Amino acid sequence: MQHSQSHQRSRPISVGQLRAFEAVARHLNFRAASEELALTQSAVSRQIQGLEQEVGVSLFLRHTRAVELTGAGAQLLRAVIPALDRVDAAVRLIRQSAGRKSVAISTYASFASMWLIPRLEDFQRAHPDIDIRIDATDISVDLETTDVDLALRYSVPGNVPSHAQRLFGEQLTPVVSPWLLKSGPGLQKVQDLAQFALVESRDANHGQHIEWLTWQRWFEENHITHFEPKRWLYFNYAHQIAQAALTGQGVALVRTPLIADSLASGDLIEPFPDRRLDSPMACWLIIGPRNAARPEVLAFCDWLKDQAAQTRKAIGEEADPKA
């Protein structure tokens, strides 16, 4: 269905037509799109026909049981998806500001469970009128189009935006449960590690910078060669590695900010405190540009920075390099 120039219009496109178009393009099926939109299939078909009349070209190739996007349809879809996302995000923010105050945080799962969640009660006592939502994911979110207010990310400096604020760095250090030492062999020198299971990330050898989390790197830095432990234990996430150490399953190589509280309480012991290994990674605070001025977001960020300062002190990081 190719339309002549005389049929092309210059007036704005209906949002209803764009939503119908996006749904059909996503499902490549009119029936599925109509069910999602709670419209009849004929109503969706009319919306698409009207949109094609407005833009002047066919957006879909119709087949017997399915449809596919034309080149023009694919071009329009690339513009429609972010536009609708921005509209939906703006509406959510408006609804949010009209109701209860809340702050939405995106961060990776281990950081949420080991550092953020244990501290949240302190913030909630000081700000009982602010709701908190934590989205734990290892996938970076777009703070401009989602309803997430801020992100806490684990990265090297070059991989974060220029406005990111450094909270603290990290070192890698072996830790062990004190009761494992009481019930098993001693751990006085590095060579004694051969009598224990060693715990590290399963994905430690995959991905740039992640090799800093390996026992191999720790042994190299401490000039230990030809080392073979009793056995290896591998886990996906940092909180699993720490849990294995807490339950006495072996000696784990961990990130100091995530286990500072366990070291302070005595639940974990650092057998070689003078052999910490510096890491290029750090924790960063990234605030969404649309949300930076909201009082509840400012309050949460101020609290985060105070907690980060305490963590820097606990791990022996003398000063924030960006302070």
Protein backbone atom coordinates (compact mmCIF):
# COMPACT_ATOMS: atom_id res chain seq x y z
CA MET A 1 0.00 0.00 0.00
CA GLN A 2 2.05 2.92 -1.32
CA HIS A 3 0.41 6.33 -0.89
CA SER A 4 1.02 9.33 -3.13
CA GLN A 5 2.43 12.58 -1.84
CA SER A 6 -1.03 14.17 -2.06
CA HIS A 7 -2.25 11.84 0.69
CA GLN A 8 0.56 12.62 3.14
CA ARG A 9 -0.36 14.75 6.13
CA SER A 10 1.62 17.15 8.27
CA ARG A 11 -0.57 17.08 11.37
CA PRO A 12 0.67 15.28 14.56
CA ILE A 13 0.26 11.52 14.78
CA SER A 14 -2.21 10.13 17.33
CA VAL A 15 -0.58 8.56 20.38
CA GLY A 16 -3.18 5.80 20.21
CA GLN A 17 -2.01 4.92 16.72
CA LEU A 18 1.60 4.84 17.87
CA ARG A 19 0.80 2.54 20.80
CA ALA A 20 -1.09 0.20 18.48
CA PHE A 21 1.82 0.29 16.04
CA GLU A 22 4.38 -0.48 18.76
CA ALA A 23 2.32 -3.41 20.09
CA VAL A 24 1.82 -4.96 16.65
CA ALA A 25 5.50 -4.43 15.80
CA ARG A 26 6.57 -6.10 19.05
CA HIS A 27 4.25 -9.10 18.69
CA LEU A 28 4.19 -9.17 14.87
CA ASN A 29 0.62 -10.29 15.37
CA PHE A 30 -2.60 -8.25 15.37
CA ARG A 31 -4.47 -10.62 17.67
CA ALA A 32 -1.77 -10.58 20.38
CA ALA A 33 -1.53 -6.80 20.13
CA SER A 34 -5.30 -6.41 20.47
CA GLU A 35 -5.35 -8.61 23.59
CA GLU A 36 -2.57 -6.56 25.18
CA LEU A 37 -4.28 -3.26 24.40
CA ALA A 38 -7.76 -4.52 25.39
CA LEU A 39 -9.11 -3.58 21.95
CA THR A 40 -10.77 -5.57 19.23
CA GLN A 41 -8.56 -6.83 16.44
CA SER A 42 -10.46 -4.72 13.94
CA ALA A 43 -9.92 -1.61 16.08
CA VAL A 44 -6.17 -2.22 16.11
CA SER A 45 -6.24 -2.82 12.35
CA ARG A 46 -8.02 0.51 11.84
CA GLN A 47 -5.42 2.27 14.01
CA ILE A 48 -2.60 0.86 11.85
CA GLN A 49 -4.41 1.71 8.61
CA GLY A 50 -4.96 5.25 9.86
CA LEU A 51 -1.27 5.58 10.80
CA GLU A 52 -0.22 4.33 7.37
CA GLN A 53 -2.54 6.89 5.81
CA GLU A 54 -0.90 9.62 7.88
CA VAL A 55 2.73 8.69 7.14
CA GLY A 56 2.00 7.84 3.49
CA VAL A 57 3.62 4.39 3.27
CA SER A 58 2.97 0.83 4.35
CA LEU A 59 4.45 -0.04 7.72
CA PHE A 60 3.72 -3.79 7.67
CA LEU A 61 3.72 -6.58 5.14
CA ARG A 62 0.57 -8.64 5.77
CA HIS A 63 0.87 -12.41 5.51
CA THR A 64 -1.73 -15.09 6.16
CA ARG A 65 -0.89 -15.71 9.81
CA ALA A 66 1.63 -13.02 10.67
CA VAL A 67 2.98 -9.62 9.70
CA GLU A 68 6.45 -8.20 9.31
CA LEU A 69 7.81 -4.68 9.40
CA THR A 70 8.70 -2.86 6.23
CA GLY A 71 11.85 -0.76 6.11
CA ALA A 72 9.77 2.32 6.89
CA GLY A 73 8.09 0.49 9.75
CA ALA A 74 11.43 -0.44 11.29
CA GLN A 75 12.59 3.17 10.96
CA LEU A 76 9.47 4.46 12.70
CA LEU A 77 9.72 1.83 15.45
CA ARG A 78 13.23 3.00 16.39
CA ALA A 79 11.78 6.44 17.09
CA VAL A 80 8.52 5.30 18.70
CA ILE A 81 9.96 3.00 21.40
CA PRO A 82 12.13 5.61 23.21
CA ALA A 83 9.43 8.26 22.76
CA LEU A 84 6.75 6.13 24.43
CA ASP A 85 9.22 5.11 27.14
CA ARG A 86 9.85 8.78 27.95
CA VAL A 87 6.13 9.55 28.05
CA ASP A 88 5.47 6.61 30.37
CA ALA A 89 8.39 7.55 32.62
CA ALA A 90 7.15 11.14 32.86
CA VAL A 91 3.65 9.97 33.77
CA ARG A 92 5.06 7.67 36.45
CA LEU A 93 7.05 10.55 37.92
CA ILE A 94 3.98 12.79 37.95
CA ARG A 95 1.91 10.12 39.66
CA GLN A 96 4.75 9.48 42.07
CA SER A 97 5.12 13.13 43.04
CA ALA A 98 1.37 13.40 43.55
CA GLY A 99 1.37 10.51 46.03
CA ARG A 100 3.89 9.10 48.48
CA LYS A 101 7.52 10.12 48.33
CA SER A 102 9.77 7.33 47.13
CA VAL A 103 13.26 6.61 45.84
CA ALA A 104 14.04 3.85 43.33
CA ILE A 105 17.57 2.44 43.27
CA SER A 106 19.17 0.15 40.71
CA THR A 107 22.18 -1.85 41.82
CA TYR A 108 23.71 -5.29 41.44
CA ALA A 109 22.40 -8.12 43.62
CA SER A 110 25.46 -8.75 45.80
CA PHE A 111 25.88 -5.08 46.67
CA ALA A 112 22.19 -4.81 47.55
CA SER A 113 22.22 -7.83 49.86
CA MET A 114 25.64 -7.31 51.48
CA TRP A 115 25.99 -3.54 51.77
CA LEU A 116 22.82 -1.58 51.04
CA ILE A 117 20.00 -3.58 52.64
CA PRO A 118 21.74 -4.09 56.03
CA ARG A 119 22.06 -0.29 56.32
CA LEU A 120 18.60 0.71 55.12
CA GLU A 121 16.98 0.63 58.56
CA ASP A 122 19.12 3.61 59.52
CA PHE A 123 17.71 5.65 56.64
CA GLN A 124 14.15 4.53 57.27
CA ARG A 125 14.35 5.58 60.91
CA ALA A 126 15.45 9.06 59.85
CA HIS A 127 12.99 9.28 56.93
CA PRO A 128 9.91 7.17 57.72
CA ASP A 129 7.87 9.02 55.05
CA ILE A 130 10.09 7.93 52.14
CA ASP A 131 9.47 4.58 50.46
CA ILE A 132 12.44 2.70 49.02
CA ARG A 133 12.44 0.41 45.97
CA ILE A 134 15.52 -1.61 45.07
CA ASP A 135 15.85 -3.12 41.60
CA ALA A 136 18.72 -5.64 41.81
CA THR A 137 20.18 -6.28 38.37
CA ASP A 138 23.59 -6.60 36.76
CA ILE A 139 22.26 -4.82 33.66
CA SER A 140 22.78 -1.06 33.52
CA VAL A 141 19.51 0.88 33.23
CA ASP A 142 18.88 4.13 31.36
CA LEU A 143 18.18 6.71 34.06
CA GLU A 144 16.71 9.08 31.49
CA THR A 145 13.89 6.80 30.35
CA THR A 146 13.12 4.53 33.34
CA ASP A 147 11.51 5.37 36.67
CA VAL A 148 14.77 4.59 38.52
CA ASP A 149 16.14 7.58 40.43
CA LEU A 150 19.74 6.53 40.94
CA ALA A 151 22.12 3.66 40.29
CA LEU A 152 24.92 2.19 42.37
CA ARG A 153 27.43 0.57 40.06
CA TYR A 154 30.66 -1.42 40.35
CA SER A 155 33.14 -0.33 37.70
CA VAL A 156 36.50 1.08 36.75
CA PRO A 157 36.60 4.89 36.44
CA GLY A 158 36.59 4.93 32.64
CA ASN A 159 33.28 3.07 32.35
CA VAL A 160 31.06 5.48 34.31
CA PRO A 161 29.62 8.84 33.19
CA SER A 162 31.47 12.02 34.06
CA HIS A 163 28.89 13.02 36.68
CA ALA A 164 29.24 9.72 38.60
CA GLN A 165 30.34 10.12 42.22
CA ARG A 166 32.86 7.68 43.65
CA LEU A 167 31.71 6.19 46.95
CA PHE A 168 34.65 3.91 47.77
CA GLY A 169 37.23 1.63 46.23
CA GLU A 170 38.13 -1.88 47.28
CA GLN A 171 40.85 -4.36 48.03
CA LEU A 172 40.77 -8.14 47.81
CA THR A 173 41.65 -10.18 50.88
CA PRO A 174 41.31 -13.80 52.07
CA VAL A 175 38.77 -14.37 54.87
CA VAL A 176 37.76 -17.42 56.86
CA SER A 177 35.29 -18.36 59.56
CA PRO A 178 36.91 -18.49 63.03
CA TRP A 179 35.19 -21.76 63.88
CA LEU A 180 36.67 -23.41 60.77
CA LEU A 181 40.12 -22.58 62.14
CA LYS A 182 39.17 -23.97 65.55
CA SER A 183 37.92 -27.25 64.11
CA GLY A 184 40.49 -27.66 61.33
CA PRO A 185 44.13 -26.98 60.47
CA GLY A 186 45.84 -23.75 61.35
CA LEU A 187 46.35 -20.83 59.00
CA GLN A 188 49.54 -19.06 60.03
CA LYS A 189 51.30 -18.66 56.67
CA VAL A 190 50.24 -18.52 53.02
CA GLN A 191 51.39 -22.08 52.36
CA ASP A 192 48.81 -23.30 54.92
CA LEU A 193 46.08 -22.41 52.41
CA ALA A 194 46.88 -25.72 50.69
CA GLN A 195 44.99 -27.48 53.52
CA PHE A 196 41.73 -25.61 52.76
CA ALA A 197 39.14 -25.32 50.05
CA LEU A 198 39.49 -21.99 48.25
CA VAL A 199 36.39 -20.06 47.16
CA GLU A 200 36.20 -17.64 44.24
CA SER A 201 33.91 -16.38 41.48
CA ARG A 202 32.92 -18.92 38.83
CA ASP A 203 33.13 -16.18 36.19
CA ALA A 204 36.36 -14.74 37.55
CA ASN A 205 38.32 -15.49 34.37
CA HIS A 206 35.75 -13.99 32.02
CA GLY A 207 35.41 -10.29 31.33
CA GLN A 208 37.71 -7.32 31.53
CA HIS A 209 38.95 -6.40 35.04
CA ILE A 210 37.23 -9.42 36.66
CA GLU A 211 40.57 -11.26 36.72
CA TRP A 212 41.40 -9.01 39.68
CA LEU A 213 39.04 -11.14 41.75
CA THR A 214 40.99 -14.39 41.31
CA TRP A 215 43.16 -16.33 43.69
CA GLN A 216 45.62 -16.70 40.82
CA ARG A 217 46.15 -12.96 40.79
CA TRP A 218 46.52 -12.91 44.59
CA PHE A 219 49.12 -15.69 44.48
CA GLU A 220 51.05 -13.94 41.70
CA GLU A 221 51.15 -10.68 43.64
CA ASN A 222 52.42 -12.58 46.69
CA HIS A 223 55.02 -14.48 44.63
CA ILE A 224 53.48 -17.88 45.30
CA THR A 225 53.89 -20.43 42.49
CA HIS A 226 52.81 -24.02 41.90
CA PHE A 227 50.04 -23.83 44.46
CA GLU A 228 47.25 -26.41 44.67
CA PRO A 229 44.52 -26.15 47.36
CA LYS A 230 42.57 -28.98 48.90
CA ARG A 231 39.74 -28.22 46.44
CA TRP A 232 38.04 -25.31 44.66
CA LEU A 233 34.57 -23.88 45.19
CA TYR A 234 33.12 -21.54 42.56
CA PHE A 235 30.08 -19.28 42.84
CA ASN A 236 28.38 -16.74 40.61
CA TYR A 237 27.96 -13.84 43.01
CA ALA A 238 29.96 -12.08 45.72
CA HIS A 239 27.29 -12.69 48.37
CA GLN A 240 27.47 -16.44 47.67
CA ILE A 241 31.24 -16.39 48.11
CA ALA A 242 30.93 -14.55 51.43
CA GLN A 243 28.20 -16.93 52.59
CA ALA A 244 30.44 -19.91 51.84
CA ALA A 245 33.15 -18.37 54.02
CA LEU A 246 30.70 -17.54 56.83
CA THR A 247 29.46 -21.14 56.90
CA GLY A 248 32.98 -22.55 57.06
CA GLN A 249 33.15 -24.09 53.61
CA GLY A 250 36.57 -22.69 52.83
CA VAL A 251 38.78 -19.61 52.60
CA ALA A 252 37.28 -16.99 50.31
CA LEU A 253 38.87 -14.14 48.42
CA VAL A 254 36.45 -11.24 48.94
CA ARG A 255 35.96 -7.51 48.38
CA THR A 256 36.70 -5.59 51.55
CA PRO A 257 33.73 -3.14 51.44
CA LEU A 258 31.25 -6.01 51.27
CA ILE A 259 32.60 -7.88 54.32
CA ALA A 260 33.78 -4.98 56.52
CA ASP A 261 30.86 -5.52 58.90
CA SER A 262 31.58 -9.26 59.19
CA LEU A 263 35.21 -8.52 59.99
CA ALA A 264 34.21 -5.95 62.62
CA SER A 265 31.80 -8.38 64.28
CA GLY A 266 34.28 -11.26 64.26
CA ASP A 267 32.10 -13.46 62.05
CA LEU A 268 35.00 -13.56 59.59
CA ILE A 269 38.75 -13.37 60.18
CA GLU A 270 41.32 -11.86 57.85
CA PRO A 271 44.34 -14.16 58.28
CA PHE A 272 46.73 -12.04 56.16
CA PRO A 273 45.75 -8.39 56.65
CA ASP A 274 49.11 -7.20 55.33
CA ARG A 275 48.58 -8.98 52.01
CA ARG A 276 45.53 -7.12 50.69
CA LEU A 277 45.43 -6.74 46.92
CA ASP A 278 44.41 -3.40 45.43
CA SER A 279 41.64 -3.49 42.81
CA PRO A 280 40.93 -0.98 40.02
CA MET A 281 37.20 -1.31 40.68
CA ALA A 282 35.10 1.07 42.75
CA CYS A 283 31.49 1.71 43.73
CA TRP A 284 29.86 4.70 42.03
CA LEU A 285 26.71 6.73 42.63
CA ILE A 286 24.96 7.82 39.43
CA ILE A 287 21.93 10.10 39.83
CA GLY A 288 19.28 10.34 37.13
CA PRO A 289 19.25 13.86 35.63
CA ARG A 290 15.47 14.18 35.90
CA ASN A 291 15.43 13.31 39.60
CA ALA A 292 18.49 15.01 41.06
CA ALA A 293 16.55 17.94 42.59
CA ARG A 294 13.81 15.94 44.32
CA PRO A 295 14.17 16.35 48.11
CA GLU A 296 13.77 12.64 48.84
CA VAL A 297 16.47 11.75 46.30
CA LEU A 298 18.80 14.37 47.76
CA ALA A 299 18.17 13.00 51.26
CA PHE A 300 18.94 9.45 50.18
CA CYS A 301 22.11 10.51 48.34
CA ASP A 302 23.36 12.44 51.39
CA TRP A 303 22.74 9.37 53.51
CA LEU A 304 24.55 7.15 50.99
CA LYS A 305 27.60 9.40 51.04
CA ASP A 306 27.68 9.32 54.84
CA GLN A 307 27.49 5.51 54.81
CA ALA A 308 30.22 5.40 52.17
CA ALA A 309 32.47 7.54 54.35
CA GLN A 310 32.02 5.05 57.18
CA THR A 311 32.89 2.20 54.84
CA ARG A 312 36.03 3.97 53.63
CA LYS A 313 37.12 4.33 57.24
CA ALA A 314 36.33 0.69 58.00
CA ILE A 315 38.41 -0.64 55.09
CA GLY A 316 41.27 1.78 55.70
CA GLU A 317 40.76 3.93 52.63
CA GLU A 318 42.19 7.21 53.83
CA ALA A 319 40.34 9.59 51.54
CA ASP A 320 37.97 9.73 48.61
CA PRO A 321 40.18 10.55 45.59
CA LYS A 322 37.40 12.72 44.11
CA ALA A 323 36.61 14.59 47.30
